[in-house]
PDB file of N, CA and C in Angstrom:
ATOM      1  N   MET A   1     -13.359  16.196  -5.159  1.00  0.00           N
ATOM      2  CA  MET A   1     -12.513  17.016  -5.968  1.00  0.00           C
ATOM      3  C   MET A   1     -12.080  16.193  -7.185  1.00  0.00           C
ATOM      4  N   LYS A   2     -12.344  16.706  -8.366  1.00  0.00           N
ATOM      5  CA  LYS A   2     -11.872  16.016  -9.579  1.00  0.00           C
ATOM      6  C   LYS A   2     -10.386  16.254  -9.757  1.00  0.00           C
ATOM      7  N   PHE A   3      -9.701  15.278 -10.359  1.00  0.00           N
ATOM      8  CA  PHE A   3      -8.273  15.428 -10.600  1.00  0.00           C
ATOM      9  C   PHE A   3      -7.906  14.866 -11.949  1.00  0.00           C
ATOM     10  N   ASN A   4      -6.826  15.400 -12.500  1.00  0.00           N
ATOM     11  CA  ASN A   4      -6.252  14.925 -13.748  1.00  0.00           C
ATOM     12  C   ASN A   4      -4.745  15.083 -13.607  1.00  0.00           C
ATOM     13  N   ILE A   5      -4.041  13.967 -13.504  1.00  0.00           N
ATOM     14  CA  ILE A   5      -2.583  13.978 -13.344  1.00  0.00           C
ATOM     15  C   ILE A   5      -1.978  13.504 -14.650  1.00  0.00           C
ATOM     16  N   SER A   6      -1.260  14.388 -15.328  1.00  0.00           N
ATOM     17  CA  SER A   6      -0.722  14.062 -16.642  1.00  0.00           C
ATOM     18  C   SER A   6       0.501  13.156 -16.605  1.00  0.00           C
ATOM     19  N   ARG A   7       1.234  13.199 -15.498  1.00  0.00           N
ATOM     20  CA  ARG A   7       2.428  12.348 -15.380  1.00  0.00           C
ATOM     21  C   ARG A   7       2.851  12.287 -13.917  1.00  0.00           C
ATOM     22  N   LEU A   8       2.861  11.091 -13.375  1.00  0.00           N
ATOM     23  CA  LEU A   8       3.262  10.880 -11.984  1.00  0.00           C
ATOM     24  C   LEU A   8       4.237   9.701 -11.937  1.00  0.00           C
ATOM     25  N   HIS A   9       5.439   9.959 -11.432  1.00  0.00           N
ATOM     26  CA  HIS A   9       6.439   8.914 -11.260  1.00  0.00           C
ATOM     27  C   HIS A   9       6.150   8.225  -9.915  1.00  0.00           C
ATOM     28  N   THR A  10       5.872   6.921  -9.949  1.00  0.00           N
ATOM     29  CA  THR A  10       5.599   6.152  -8.741  1.00  0.00           C
ATOM     30  C   THR A  10       6.622   5.033  -8.636  1.00  0.00           C
ATOM     31  N   GLN A  11       6.614   4.350  -7.498  1.00  0.00           N
ATOM     32  CA  GLN A  11       7.495   3.225  -7.304  1.00  0.00           C
ATOM     33  C   GLN A  11       7.191   2.080  -8.288  1.00  0.00           C
ATOM     34  N   SER A  12       5.988   2.094  -8.839  1.00  0.00           N
ATOM     35  CA  SER A  12       5.562   1.007  -9.727  1.00  0.00           C
ATOM     36  C   SER A  12       5.573   1.402 -11.217  1.00  0.00           C
ATOM     37  N   GLY A  13       5.938   2.614 -11.528  1.00  0.00           N
ATOM     38  CA  GLY A  13       5.985   3.063 -12.898  1.00  0.00           C
ATOM     39  C   GLY A  13       5.453   4.489 -13.049  1.00  0.00           C
ATOM     40  N   ILE A  14       5.426   4.949 -14.286  1.00  0.00           N
ATOM     41  CA  ILE A  14       4.953   6.296 -14.595  1.00  0.00           C
ATOM     42  C   ILE A  14       3.506   6.187 -15.060  1.00  0.00           C
ATOM     43  N   VAL A  15       2.627   6.965 -14.458  1.00  0.00           N
ATOM     44  CA  VAL A  15       1.203   6.842 -14.741  1.00  0.00           C
ATOM     45  C   VAL A  15       0.556   8.184 -15.076  1.00  0.00           C
ATOM     46  N   GLN A  16      -0.561   8.087 -15.791  1.00  0.00           N
ATOM     47  CA  GLN A  16      -1.493   9.190 -16.001  1.00  0.00           C
ATOM     48  C   GLN A  16      -2.782   8.764 -15.319  1.00  0.00           C
ATOM     49  N   LEU A  17      -3.399   9.676 -14.579  1.00  0.00           N
ATOM     50  CA  LEU A  17      -4.610   9.319 -13.820  1.00  0.00           C
ATOM     51  C   LEU A  17      -5.629  10.437 -13.906  1.00  0.00           C
ATOM     52  N   SER A  18      -6.878  10.046 -13.980  1.00  0.00           N
ATOM     53  CA  SER A  18      -7.947  11.028 -13.825  1.00  0.00           C
ATOM     54  C   SER A  18      -9.051  10.370 -13.006  1.00  0.00           C
ATOM     55  N   GLY A  19      -9.781  11.194 -12.291  1.00  0.00           N
ATOM     56  CA  GLY A  19     -10.857  10.664 -11.469  1.00  0.00           C
ATOM     57  C   GLY A  19     -11.308  11.707 -10.447  1.00  0.00           C
ATOM     58  N   GLU A  20     -11.721  11.177  -9.308  1.00  0.00           N
ATOM     59  CA  GLU A  20     -12.240  12.057  -8.259  1.00  0.00           C
ATOM     60  C   GLU A  20     -11.731  11.591  -6.885  1.00  0.00           C
ATOM     61  N   LEU A  21     -11.310  12.530  -6.092  1.00  0.00           N
ATOM     62  CA  LEU A  21     -10.896  12.265  -4.731  1.00  0.00           C
ATOM     63  C   LEU A  21     -12.064  12.685  -3.823  1.00  0.00           C
ATOM     64  N   GLU A  22     -12.437  11.771  -2.943  1.00  0.00           N
ATOM     65  CA  GLU A  22     -13.572  12.017  -2.035  1.00  0.00           C
ATOM     66  C   GLU A  22     -13.077  11.897  -0.596  1.00  0.00           C
ATOM     67  N   LYS A  23     -13.367  12.928   0.185  1.00  0.00           N
ATOM     68  CA  LYS A  23     -13.058  12.845   1.633  1.00  0.00           C
ATOM     69  C   LYS A  23     -14.260  12.268   2.324  1.00  0.00           C
ATOM     70  N   THR A  24     -14.020  11.167   3.056  1.00  0.00           N
ATOM     71  CA  THR A  24     -15.084  10.465   3.765  1.00  0.00           C
ATOM     72  C   THR A  24     -14.809  10.519   5.260  1.00  0.00           C
ATOM     73  N   ALA A  25     -15.743  10.079   6.033  1.00  0.00           N
ATOM     74  CA  ALA A  25     -15.589  10.035   7.491  1.00  0.00           C
ATOM     75  C   ALA A  25     -14.432   9.110   7.887  1.00  0.00           C
ATOM     76  N   SER A  26     -14.162   8.086   7.087  1.00  0.00           N
ATOM     77  CA  SER A  26     -13.095   7.152   7.426  1.00  0.00           C
ATOM     78  C   SER A  26     -11.767   7.446   6.727  1.00  0.00           C
ATOM     79  N   GLY A  27     -11.708   8.496   5.948  1.00  0.00           N
ATOM     80  CA  GLY A  27     -10.449   8.852   5.280  1.00  0.00           C
ATOM     81  C   GLY A  27     -10.679   9.422   3.885  1.00  0.00           C
ATOM     82  N   ILE A  28      -9.870   8.976   2.951  1.00  0.00           N
ATOM     83  CA  ILE A  28      -9.924   9.455   1.553  1.00  0.00           C
ATOM     84  C   ILE A  28     -10.182   8.280   0.643  1.00  0.00           C
ATOM     85  N   ALA A  29     -11.082   8.509  -0.327  1.00  0.00           N
ATOM     86  CA  ALA A  29     -11.382   7.477  -1.335  1.00  0.00           C
ATOM     87  C   ALA A  29     -11.060   8.037  -2.716  1.00  0.00           C
ATOM     88  N   LEU A  30     -10.379   7.236  -3.515  1.00  0.00           N
ATOM     89  CA  LEU A  30     -10.061   7.620  -4.879  1.00  0.00           C
ATOM     90  C   LEU A  30     -10.959   6.841  -5.840  1.00  0.00           C
ATOM     91  N   HIS A  31     -11.595   7.532  -6.743  1.00  0.00           N
ATOM     92  CA  HIS A  31     -12.468   6.920  -7.755  1.00  0.00           C
ATOM     93  C   HIS A  31     -11.855   7.261  -9.124  1.00  0.00           C
ATOM     94  N   TYR A  32     -11.268   6.282  -9.788  1.00  0.00           N
ATOM     95  CA  TYR A  32     -10.569   6.519 -11.031  1.00  0.00           C
ATOM     96  C   TYR A  32     -11.517   6.464 -12.229  1.00  0.00           C
ATOM     97  N   ARG A  33     -11.311   7.377 -13.165  1.00  0.00           N
ATOM     98  CA  ARG A  33     -12.052   7.397 -14.401  1.00  0.00           C
ATOM     99  C   ARG A  33     -11.206   6.780 -15.526  1.00  0.00           C
ATOM    100  N   CYS A  34      -9.922   7.113 -15.520  1.00  0.00           N
ATOM    101  CA  CYS A  34      -8.997   6.625 -16.554  1.00  0.00           C
ATOM    102  C   CYS A  34      -7.598   6.521 -15.942  1.00  0.00           C
ATOM    103  N   VAL A  35      -6.914   5.393 -16.260  1.00  0.00           N
ATOM    104  CA  VAL A  35      -5.547   5.180 -15.774  1.00  0.00           C
ATOM    105  C   VAL A  35      -4.737   4.639 -16.942  1.00  0.00           C
ATOM    106  N   SER A  36      -3.598   5.248 -17.186  1.00  0.00           N
ATOM    107  CA  SER A  36      -2.673   4.793 -18.213  1.00  0.00           C
ATOM    108  C   SER A  36      -1.301   4.631 -17.594  1.00  0.00           C
ATOM    109  N   LEU A  37      -0.568   3.652 -18.132  1.00  0.00           N
ATOM    110  CA  LEU A  37       0.800   3.364 -17.656  1.00  0.00           C
ATOM    111  C   LEU A  37       1.749   3.556 -18.817  1.00  0.00           C
ATOM    112  N   MET A  38       2.909   4.153 -18.515  1.00  0.00           N
ATOM    113  CA  MET A  38       3.917   4.360 -19.559  1.00  0.00           C
ATOM    114  C   MET A  38       4.637   3.038 -19.816  1.00  0.00           C
ATOM    115  N   GLY A  39       4.600   2.618 -21.074  1.00  0.00           N
ATOM    116  CA  GLY A  39       5.307   1.409 -21.499  1.00  0.00           C
ATOM    117  C   GLY A  39       6.457   1.794 -22.412  1.00  0.00           C
ATOM    118  N   THR A  40       7.102   0.824 -22.995  1.00  0.00           N
ATOM    119  CA  THR A  40       8.236   1.116 -23.869  1.00  0.00           C
ATOM    120  C   THR A  40       7.802   1.771 -25.179  1.00  0.00           C
ATOM    121  N   ASP A  41       6.541   1.590 -25.570  1.00  0.00           N
ATOM    122  CA  ASP A  41       6.025   2.174 -26.808  1.00  0.00           C
ATOM    123  C   ASP A  41       5.033   3.313 -26.548  1.00  0.00           C
ATOM    124  N   GLY A  42       5.032   3.854 -25.342  1.00  0.00           N
ATOM    125  CA  GLY A  42       4.124   4.969 -25.004  1.00  0.00           C
ATOM    126  C   GLY A  42       3.108   4.545 -23.967  1.00  0.00           C
ATOM    127  N   TRP A  43       2.036   5.344 -23.854  1.00  0.00           N
ATOM    128  CA  TRP A  43       1.003   5.100 -22.872  1.00  0.00           C
ATOM    129  C   TRP A  43       0.091   3.989 -23.278  1.00  0.00           C
ATOM    130  N   PHE A  44      -0.336   3.149 -22.311  1.00  0.00           N
ATOM    131  CA  PHE A  44      -1.389   2.175 -22.574  1.00  0.00           C
ATOM    132  C   PHE A  44      -2.385   2.221 -21.431  1.00  0.00           C
ATOM    133  N   SER A  45      -3.657   2.165 -21.783  1.00  0.00           N
ATOM    134  CA  SER A  45      -4.754   2.256 -20.815  1.00  0.00           C
ATOM    135  C   SER A  45      -4.868   0.948 -20.045  1.00  0.00           C
ATOM    136  N   LEU A  46      -5.187   1.081 -18.760  1.00  0.00           N
ATOM    137  CA  LEU A  46      -5.405  -0.092 -17.917  1.00  0.00           C
ATOM    138  C   LEU A  46      -6.911  -0.334 -17.768  1.00  0.00           C
ATOM    139  N   ASP A  47      -7.286  -1.582 -17.713  1.00  0.00           N
ATOM    140  CA  ASP A  47      -8.686  -1.998 -17.499  1.00  0.00           C
ATOM    141  C   ASP A  47      -8.979  -1.864 -16.014  1.00  0.00           C
ATOM    142  N   LEU A  48      -9.805  -0.902 -15.664  1.00  0.00           N
ATOM    143  CA  LEU A  48     -10.090  -0.620 -14.247  1.00  0.00           C
ATOM    144  C   LEU A  48     -10.832  -1.752 -13.548  1.00  0.00           C
ATOM    145  N   THR A  49     -11.420  -2.681 -14.306  1.00  0.00           N
ATOM    146  CA  THR A  49     -12.129  -3.804 -13.682  1.00  0.00           C
ATOM    147  C   THR A  49     -11.212  -4.998 -13.448  1.00  0.00           C
ATOM    148  N   ASN A  50      -9.998  -4.958 -13.977  1.00  0.00           N
ATOM    149  CA  ASN A  50      -9.062  -6.062 -13.862  1.00  0.00           C
ATOM    150  C   ASN A  50      -8.499  -6.148 -12.437  1.00  0.00           C
ATOM    151  N   GLU A  51      -8.393  -7.362 -11.931  1.00  0.00           N
ATOM    152  CA  GLU A  51      -7.862  -7.609 -10.572  1.00  0.00           C
ATOM    153  C   GLU A  51      -6.433  -7.093 -10.396  1.00  0.00           C
ATOM    154  N   HIS A  52      -5.573  -7.276 -11.406  1.00  0.00           N
ATOM    155  CA  HIS A  52      -4.195  -6.801 -11.315  1.00  0.00           C
ATOM    156  C   HIS A  52      -4.118  -5.275 -11.317  1.00  0.00           C
ATOM    157  N   THR A  53      -5.003  -4.641 -12.086  1.00  0.00           N
ATOM    158  CA  THR A  53      -5.062  -3.180 -12.093  1.00  0.00           C
ATOM    159  C   THR A  53      -5.491  -2.656 -10.740  1.00  0.00           C
ATOM    160  N   GLN A  54      -6.477  -3.309 -10.118  1.00  0.00           N
ATOM    161  CA  GLN A  54      -6.942  -2.918  -8.786  1.00  0.00           C
ATOM    162  C   GLN A  54      -5.810  -3.011  -7.756  1.00  0.00           C
ATOM    163  N   GLN A  55      -5.020  -4.072  -7.843  1.00  0.00           N
ATOM    164  CA  GLN A  55      -3.892  -4.246  -6.922  1.00  0.00           C
ATOM    165  C   GLN A  55      -2.828  -3.165  -7.184  1.00  0.00           C
ATOM    166  N   PHE A  56      -2.580  -2.888  -8.471  1.00  0.00           N
ATOM    167  CA  PHE A  56      -1.625  -1.831  -8.858  1.00  0.00           C
ATOM    168  C   PHE A  56      -2.051  -0.492  -8.252  1.00  0.00           C
ATOM    169  N   LEU A  57      -3.337  -0.173  -8.369  1.00  0.00           N
ATOM    170  CA  LEU A  57      -3.850   1.100  -7.841  1.00  0.00           C
ATOM    171  C   LEU A  57      -3.745   1.143  -6.327  1.00  0.00           C
ATOM    172  N   CYS A  58      -3.955   0.039  -5.671  1.00  0.00           N
ATOM    173  CA  CYS A  58      -3.782  -0.011  -4.203  1.00  0.00           C
ATOM    174  C   CYS A  58      -2.313   0.230  -3.831  1.00  0.00           C
ATOM    175  N   ASP A  59      -1.418  -0.334  -4.634  1.00  0.00           N
ATOM    176  CA  ASP A  59       0.023  -0.196  -4.384  1.00  0.00           C
ATOM    177  C   ASP A  59       0.482   1.256  -4.482  1.00  0.00           C
ATOM    178  N   ILE A  60      -0.120   2.037  -5.382  1.00  0.00           N
ATOM    179  CA  ILE A  60       0.331   3.437  -5.575  1.00  0.00           C
ATOM    180  C   ILE A  60      -0.588   4.447  -4.909  1.00  0.00           C
ATOM    181  N   GLU A  61      -1.590   4.002  -4.197  1.00  0.00           N
ATOM    182  CA  GLU A  61      -2.599   4.899  -3.610  1.00  0.00           C
ATOM    183  C   GLU A  61      -1.997   6.024  -2.779  1.00  0.00           C
ATOM    184  N   GLN A  62      -1.075   5.704  -1.884  1.00  0.00           N
ATOM    185  CA  GLN A  62      -0.505   6.729  -1.015  1.00  0.00           C
ATOM    186  C   GLN A  62       0.301   7.754  -1.793  1.00  0.00           C
ATOM    187  N   GLU A  63       0.946   7.295  -2.857  1.00  0.00           N
ATOM    188  CA  GLU A  63       1.710   8.236  -3.713  1.00  0.00           C
ATOM    189  C   GLU A  63       0.790   9.197  -4.430  1.00  0.00           C
ATOM    190  N   VAL A  64      -0.359   8.683  -4.893  1.00  0.00           N
ATOM    191  CA  VAL A  64      -1.341   9.521  -5.562  1.00  0.00           C
ATOM    192  C   VAL A  64      -1.925  10.546  -4.575  1.00  0.00           C
ATOM    193  N   ILE A  65      -2.277  10.082  -3.423  1.00  0.00           N
ATOM    194  CA  ILE A  65      -2.858  10.997  -2.375  1.00  0.00           C
ATOM    195  C   ILE A  65      -1.825  12.054  -1.995  1.00  0.00           C
ATOM    196  N   ALA A  66      -0.579  11.667  -1.838  1.00  0.00           N
ATOM    197  CA  ALA A  66       0.475  12.628  -1.487  1.00  0.00           C
ATOM    198  C   ALA A  66       0.630  13.674  -2.603  1.00  0.00           C
ATOM    199  N   HIS A  67       0.571  13.233  -3.840  1.00  0.00           N
ATOM    200  CA  HIS A  67       0.693  14.154  -4.986  1.00  0.00           C
ATOM    201  C   HIS A  67      -0.460  15.131  -5.002  1.00  0.00           C
ATOM    202  N   LEU A  68      -1.652  14.643  -4.772  1.00  0.00           N
ATOM    203  CA  LEU A  68      -2.850  15.510  -4.802  1.00  0.00           C
ATOM    204  C   LEU A  68      -2.842  16.482  -3.608  1.00  0.00           C
ATOM    205  N   GLY A  69      -2.156  16.139  -2.533  1.00  0.00           N
ATOM    206  CA  GLY A  69      -2.093  16.991  -1.391  1.00  0.00           C
ATOM    207  C   GLY A  69      -1.106  18.147  -1.528  1.00  0.00           C
ATOM    208  N   ASP A  70      -0.215  18.040  -2.531  1.00  0.00           N
ATOM    209  CA  ASP A  70       0.799  19.087  -2.752  1.00  0.00           C
ATOM    210  C   ASP A  70       0.179  20.367  -3.251  1.00  0.00           C
TER     211      ASP A  70
END
């Protein structure tokens, strides 16, 4: 299922996310296409290949899944 979240308040900040949610035999997998974080000067895109971005996405994963389940 493709998703596009224009604004999600998480414990780690306010984000915009787009990508695809995949239901697998072992659970749910999120595949992100674009991720932006709200900063003091507006939205800034995150580098999806960056190690810190990957950790950030792991930290907010359950919040994103819960939002998509609503």
